Amino acid sequence: MSFKQAKELVERMEFSEIALKNATKVLDDSYKTFGKASENFDKTLNKQEEILEKLPQLDKKMSYMFLAVAINIGFILGLLIGKYIL
């Protein structure tokens, strides 16, 4: 092997080493990004679970509110009927 061929081989090996370092750096960065994404996904799942737990309570409150509004409308209609018709 001549000196020129050996020099080219060393340069290729250096380029390969640089490429491998860059690839491992990119993999590390993507792993960190994946970790952050999975943490954010877990947070959103926890928020969704909280919302799903609160929905039955809110439905119960809404039904009480509709009942209260219906009673008030009935009371007002009763007053109007009692005043003008009776």
Foldseek 3Di string as FASTA:
>chain_A
DDPVVVVVVVVVVVVVVVVVVVVVVVVVVVVVVVVVVVVVVVVVVVVVVVVVVCVVVVVVVVVVVVVVVVVVVVVVVVVVCVVPVD
